[in-house]
Amino acid sequence: MLYYFDASRNYNPEPQLEKISAPLTAINSADDAINPPELKIIDRDIERVKNGKFVLLPISDETRGHGTHSLPAIWGNHLAELLERSK
């Protein structure tokens, strides 16, 4: 876990968000403690991505906070929609 956190601690795509031209879907879970939606960072930044969309998954019995990223049954429909937009 220390390696994972260290590898991402200086990552900041924010300065170049306008350069993203491909369709992009950012998904977060409402119970994510690592990227807490209460900070509303993505709400502001997704507006800078030309073909960007943000999805906030509501807390449910199936979500697992940040670990929800490993549960495609929860967000797979949003991936299918992204692939459709990417044709």
N, C-alpha and C. Protein backbone atom coordinates (compact mmCIF):
# COMPACT_ATOMS: atom_id res chain seq x y z
N MET A 1 0.81 -1.19 0.00
CA MET A 1 0.00 0.00 0.00
C MET A 1 0.86 1.26 0.00
N LEU A 2 1.97 1.22 0.72
CA LEU A 2 2.85 2.39 0.74
C LEU A 2 3.35 2.72 -0.66
N TYR A 3 3.71 1.70 -1.43
CA TYR A 3 4.16 1.93 -2.80
C TYR A 3 3.05 2.58 -3.62
N TYR A 4 1.82 2.06 -3.51
CA TYR A 4 0.71 2.61 -4.28
C TYR A 4 0.49 4.09 -3.98
N PHE A 5 0.48 4.41 -2.70
CA PHE A 5 0.27 5.81 -2.32
C PHE A 5 1.43 6.68 -2.78
N ASP A 6 2.66 6.20 -2.63
CA ASP A 6 3.82 6.98 -3.03
C ASP A 6 3.84 7.21 -4.54
N ALA A 7 3.43 6.20 -5.31
CA ALA A 7 3.45 6.32 -6.76
C ALA A 7 2.46 7.35 -7.26
N SER A 8 1.42 7.62 -6.52
CA SER A 8 0.40 8.55 -7.00
C SER A 8 0.38 9.90 -6.28
N ARG A 9 1.20 10.07 -5.29
CA ARG A 9 1.07 11.29 -4.47
C ARG A 9 1.43 12.57 -5.21
N ASN A 10 2.25 12.51 -6.25
CA ASN A 10 2.61 13.72 -7.00
C ASN A 10 1.88 13.81 -8.34
N TYR A 11 0.96 12.89 -8.60
CA TYR A 11 0.23 12.90 -9.87
C TYR A 11 -0.84 13.99 -9.83
N ASN A 12 -0.82 14.87 -10.82
CA ASN A 12 -1.78 15.95 -10.88
C ASN A 12 -2.11 16.28 -12.34
N PRO A 13 -3.19 15.74 -12.86
CA PRO A 13 -3.54 16.03 -14.26
C PRO A 13 -4.19 17.40 -14.45
N GLU A 14 -4.52 18.08 -13.35
CA GLU A 14 -5.30 19.31 -13.42
C GLU A 14 -4.74 20.38 -14.37
N PRO A 15 -3.43 20.64 -14.40
CA PRO A 15 -2.94 21.72 -15.26
C PRO A 15 -3.20 21.53 -16.76
N GLN A 16 -3.46 20.29 -17.20
CA GLN A 16 -3.59 20.04 -18.63
C GLN A 16 -4.92 19.39 -19.01
N LEU A 17 -5.94 19.57 -18.21
CA LEU A 17 -7.23 18.94 -18.49
C LEU A 17 -7.82 19.34 -19.84
N GLU A 18 -7.59 20.56 -20.26
CA GLU A 18 -8.13 21.02 -21.54
C GLU A 18 -7.55 20.25 -22.72
N LYS A 19 -6.42 19.60 -22.55
CA LYS A 19 -5.80 18.84 -23.64
C LYS A 19 -6.46 17.49 -23.88
N ILE A 20 -7.29 17.04 -22.97
CA ILE A 20 -7.96 15.76 -23.13
C ILE A 20 -9.08 15.93 -24.15
N SER A 21 -8.98 15.21 -25.27
CA SER A 21 -10.00 15.33 -26.31
C SER A 21 -10.84 14.06 -26.45
N ALA A 22 -10.35 12.95 -25.99
CA ALA A 22 -11.10 11.70 -26.07
C ALA A 22 -12.24 11.71 -25.05
N PRO A 23 -13.32 11.01 -25.34
CA PRO A 23 -14.38 10.90 -24.33
C PRO A 23 -13.81 10.35 -23.03
N LEU A 24 -14.25 10.92 -21.93
CA LEU A 24 -13.74 10.52 -20.63
C LEU A 24 -14.91 10.46 -19.65
N THR A 25 -14.96 9.39 -18.89
CA THR A 25 -15.94 9.27 -17.81
C THR A 25 -15.17 9.07 -16.52
N ALA A 26 -15.34 9.97 -15.58
CA ALA A 26 -14.74 9.86 -14.25
C ALA A 26 -15.82 9.33 -13.31
N ILE A 27 -15.52 8.24 -12.62
CA ILE A 27 -16.49 7.62 -11.73
C ILE A 27 -15.92 7.59 -10.33
N ASN A 28 -16.74 7.98 -9.37
CA ASN A 28 -16.34 7.91 -7.97
C ASN A 28 -17.51 7.37 -7.17
N SER A 29 -17.19 6.77 -6.06
CA SER A 29 -18.20 6.25 -5.16
C SER A 29 -18.40 7.26 -4.03
N ALA A 30 -19.64 7.48 -3.64
CA ALA A 30 -19.94 8.46 -2.61
C ALA A 30 -19.30 8.14 -1.27
N ASP A 31 -18.88 6.89 -1.07
CA ASP A 31 -18.24 6.51 0.19
C ASP A 31 -16.72 6.37 0.06
N ASP A 32 -16.14 6.99 -0.97
CA ASP A 32 -14.70 6.92 -1.19
C ASP A 32 -13.97 7.87 -0.23
N ALA A 33 -13.19 7.33 0.68
CA ALA A 33 -12.47 8.15 1.66
C ALA A 33 -11.15 8.68 1.09
N ILE A 34 -10.63 8.06 0.04
CA ILE A 34 -9.37 8.52 -0.55
C ILE A 34 -9.61 9.70 -1.49
N ASN A 35 -10.69 9.65 -2.25
CA ASN A 35 -11.10 10.75 -3.12
C ASN A 35 -12.51 11.18 -2.69
N PRO A 36 -12.62 11.83 -1.55
CA PRO A 36 -13.95 12.15 -1.02
C PRO A 36 -14.71 13.13 -1.91
N PRO A 37 -15.91 12.77 -2.32
CA PRO A 37 -16.68 13.66 -3.20
C PRO A 37 -17.06 14.98 -2.54
N GLU A 38 -17.02 15.04 -1.22
CA GLU A 38 -17.34 16.28 -0.52
C GLU A 38 -16.39 17.43 -0.88
N LEU A 39 -15.19 17.08 -1.36
CA LEU A 39 -14.24 18.12 -1.77
C LEU A 39 -14.67 18.82 -3.06
N LYS A 40 -15.50 18.14 -3.86
CA LYS A 40 -16.05 18.69 -5.10
C LYS A 40 -14.99 19.10 -6.12
N ILE A 41 -13.83 18.47 -6.05
CA ILE A 41 -12.76 18.78 -7.01
C ILE A 41 -13.17 18.37 -8.41
N ILE A 42 -13.68 17.16 -8.56
CA ILE A 42 -14.05 16.68 -9.89
C ILE A 42 -15.23 17.47 -10.46
N ASP A 43 -16.12 17.94 -9.62
CA ASP A 43 -17.27 18.72 -10.10
C ASP A 43 -16.81 19.95 -10.88
N ARG A 44 -15.75 20.56 -10.41
CA ARG A 44 -15.19 21.75 -11.06
C ARG A 44 -14.33 21.35 -12.27
N ASP A 45 -13.46 20.37 -12.07
CA ASP A 45 -12.49 20.02 -13.10
C ASP A 45 -13.09 19.32 -14.32
N ILE A 46 -14.14 18.55 -14.14
CA ILE A 46 -14.71 17.83 -15.29
C ILE A 46 -15.24 18.80 -16.34
N GLU A 47 -15.60 20.01 -15.93
CA GLU A 47 -16.08 21.02 -16.87
C GLU A 47 -14.98 21.45 -17.84
N ARG A 48 -13.74 21.23 -17.49
CA ARG A 48 -12.61 21.62 -18.34
C ARG A 48 -12.26 20.55 -19.36
N VAL A 49 -12.85 19.38 -19.24
CA VAL A 49 -12.59 18.27 -20.17
C VAL A 49 -13.68 18.31 -21.25
N LYS A 50 -13.26 18.50 -22.49
CA LYS A 50 -14.19 18.73 -23.60
C LYS A 50 -15.29 17.67 -23.67
N ASN A 51 -14.96 16.43 -23.60
CA ASN A 51 -15.93 15.33 -23.69
C ASN A 51 -16.00 14.58 -22.37
N GLY A 52 -15.95 15.32 -21.28
CA GLY A 52 -15.91 14.72 -19.96
C GLY A 52 -17.29 14.57 -19.33
N LYS A 53 -17.40 13.54 -18.52
CA LYS A 53 -18.63 13.26 -17.78
C LYS A 53 -18.24 12.72 -16.41
N PHE A 54 -18.95 13.13 -15.39
CA PHE A 54 -18.70 12.64 -14.03
C PHE A 54 -19.90 11.87 -13.52
N VAL A 55 -19.63 10.72 -12.93
CA VAL A 55 -20.67 9.89 -12.33
C VAL A 55 -20.31 9.67 -10.87
N LEU A 56 -21.22 10.01 -9.98
CA LEU A 56 -21.04 9.73 -8.56
C LEU A 56 -21.97 8.58 -8.19
N LEU A 57 -21.37 7.45 -7.87
CA LEU A 57 -22.15 6.28 -7.49
C LEU A 57 -22.66 6.46 -6.06
N PRO A 58 -23.94 6.29 -5.83
CA PRO A 58 -24.46 6.44 -4.47
C PRO A 58 -23.98 5.31 -3.57
N ILE A 59 -23.90 5.58 -2.30
CA ILE A 59 -23.55 4.55 -1.32
C ILE A 59 -24.64 3.49 -1.33
N SER A 60 -24.19 2.24 -1.34
CA SER A 60 -25.15 1.13 -1.30
C SER A 60 -24.51 -0.02 -0.54
N ASP A 61 -25.25 -1.10 -0.41
CA ASP A 61 -24.70 -2.30 0.22
C ASP A 61 -23.59 -2.92 -0.61
N GLU A 62 -23.54 -2.57 -1.91
CA GLU A 62 -22.53 -3.13 -2.81
C GLU A 62 -21.25 -2.30 -2.89
N THR A 63 -21.33 -0.98 -2.65
CA THR A 63 -20.13 -0.15 -2.77
C THR A 63 -19.16 -0.45 -1.62
N ARG A 64 -17.89 -0.23 -1.91
CA ARG A 64 -16.83 -0.49 -0.93
C ARG A 64 -15.85 0.67 -0.87
N GLY A 65 -16.37 1.89 -0.83
CA GLY A 65 -15.48 3.05 -0.78
C GLY A 65 -14.57 3.09 -1.98
N HIS A 66 -13.31 3.38 -1.75
CA HIS A 66 -12.34 3.45 -2.85
C HIS A 66 -12.21 2.11 -3.56
N GLY A 67 -12.46 1.02 -2.85
CA GLY A 67 -12.37 -0.32 -3.43
C GLY A 67 -13.46 -0.63 -4.44
N THR A 68 -14.44 0.25 -4.57
CA THR A 68 -15.50 0.04 -5.56
C THR A 68 -14.93 -0.01 -6.97
N HIS A 69 -13.74 0.56 -7.18
CA HIS A 69 -13.12 0.51 -8.51
C HIS A 69 -12.89 -0.92 -8.97
N SER A 70 -12.85 -1.87 -8.05
CA SER A 70 -12.61 -3.27 -8.39
C SER A 70 -13.91 -4.07 -8.57
N LEU A 71 -15.04 -3.39 -8.63
CA LEU A 71 -16.34 -4.06 -8.71
C LEU A 71 -17.09 -3.61 -9.97
N PRO A 72 -16.73 -4.16 -11.14
CA PRO A 72 -17.34 -3.71 -12.39
C PRO A 72 -18.85 -3.93 -12.46
N ALA A 73 -19.38 -4.81 -11.65
CA ALA A 73 -20.84 -4.99 -11.65
C ALA A 73 -21.54 -3.70 -11.25
N ILE A 74 -20.87 -2.84 -10.52
CA ILE A 74 -21.47 -1.59 -10.04
C ILE A 74 -21.35 -0.47 -11.09
N TRP A 75 -20.22 -0.40 -11.78
CA TRP A 75 -19.99 0.71 -12.71
C TRP A 75 -19.90 0.28 -14.18
N GLY A 76 -20.09 -0.99 -14.46
CA GLY A 76 -19.93 -1.50 -15.83
C GLY A 76 -20.84 -0.85 -16.84
N ASN A 77 -22.05 -0.49 -16.44
CA ASN A 77 -22.96 0.18 -17.38
C ASN A 77 -22.40 1.53 -17.82
N HIS A 78 -21.66 2.20 -16.94
CA HIS A 78 -21.05 3.49 -17.30
C HIS A 78 -19.88 3.28 -18.26
N LEU A 79 -19.17 2.17 -18.11
CA LEU A 79 -18.12 1.82 -19.07
C LEU A 79 -18.72 1.54 -20.44
N ALA A 80 -19.82 0.80 -20.47
CA ALA A 80 -20.48 0.51 -21.74
C ALA A 80 -20.91 1.81 -22.43
N GLU A 81 -21.42 2.75 -21.66
CA GLU A 81 -21.84 4.03 -22.22
C GLU A 81 -20.63 4.82 -22.75
N LEU A 82 -19.52 4.77 -22.03
CA LEU A 82 -18.30 5.43 -22.49
C LEU A 82 -17.81 4.82 -23.80
N LEU A 83 -17.82 3.50 -23.88
CA LEU A 83 -17.40 2.85 -25.12
C LEU A 83 -18.30 3.22 -26.28
N GLU A 84 -19.58 3.35 -26.01
CA GLU A 84 -20.52 3.77 -27.05
C GLU A 84 -20.21 5.20 -27.50
N ARG A 85 -19.92 6.09 -26.58
CA ARG A 85 -19.57 7.47 -26.92
C ARG A 85 -18.25 7.56 -27.66
N SER A 86 -17.40 6.55 -27.50
CA SER A 86 -16.05 6.57 -28.06
C SER A 86 -15.98 6.04 -29.49
N LYS A 87 -17.06 5.61 -30.05
CA LYS A 87 -17.04 5.06 -31.42
C LYS A 87 -16.57 6.08 -32.42
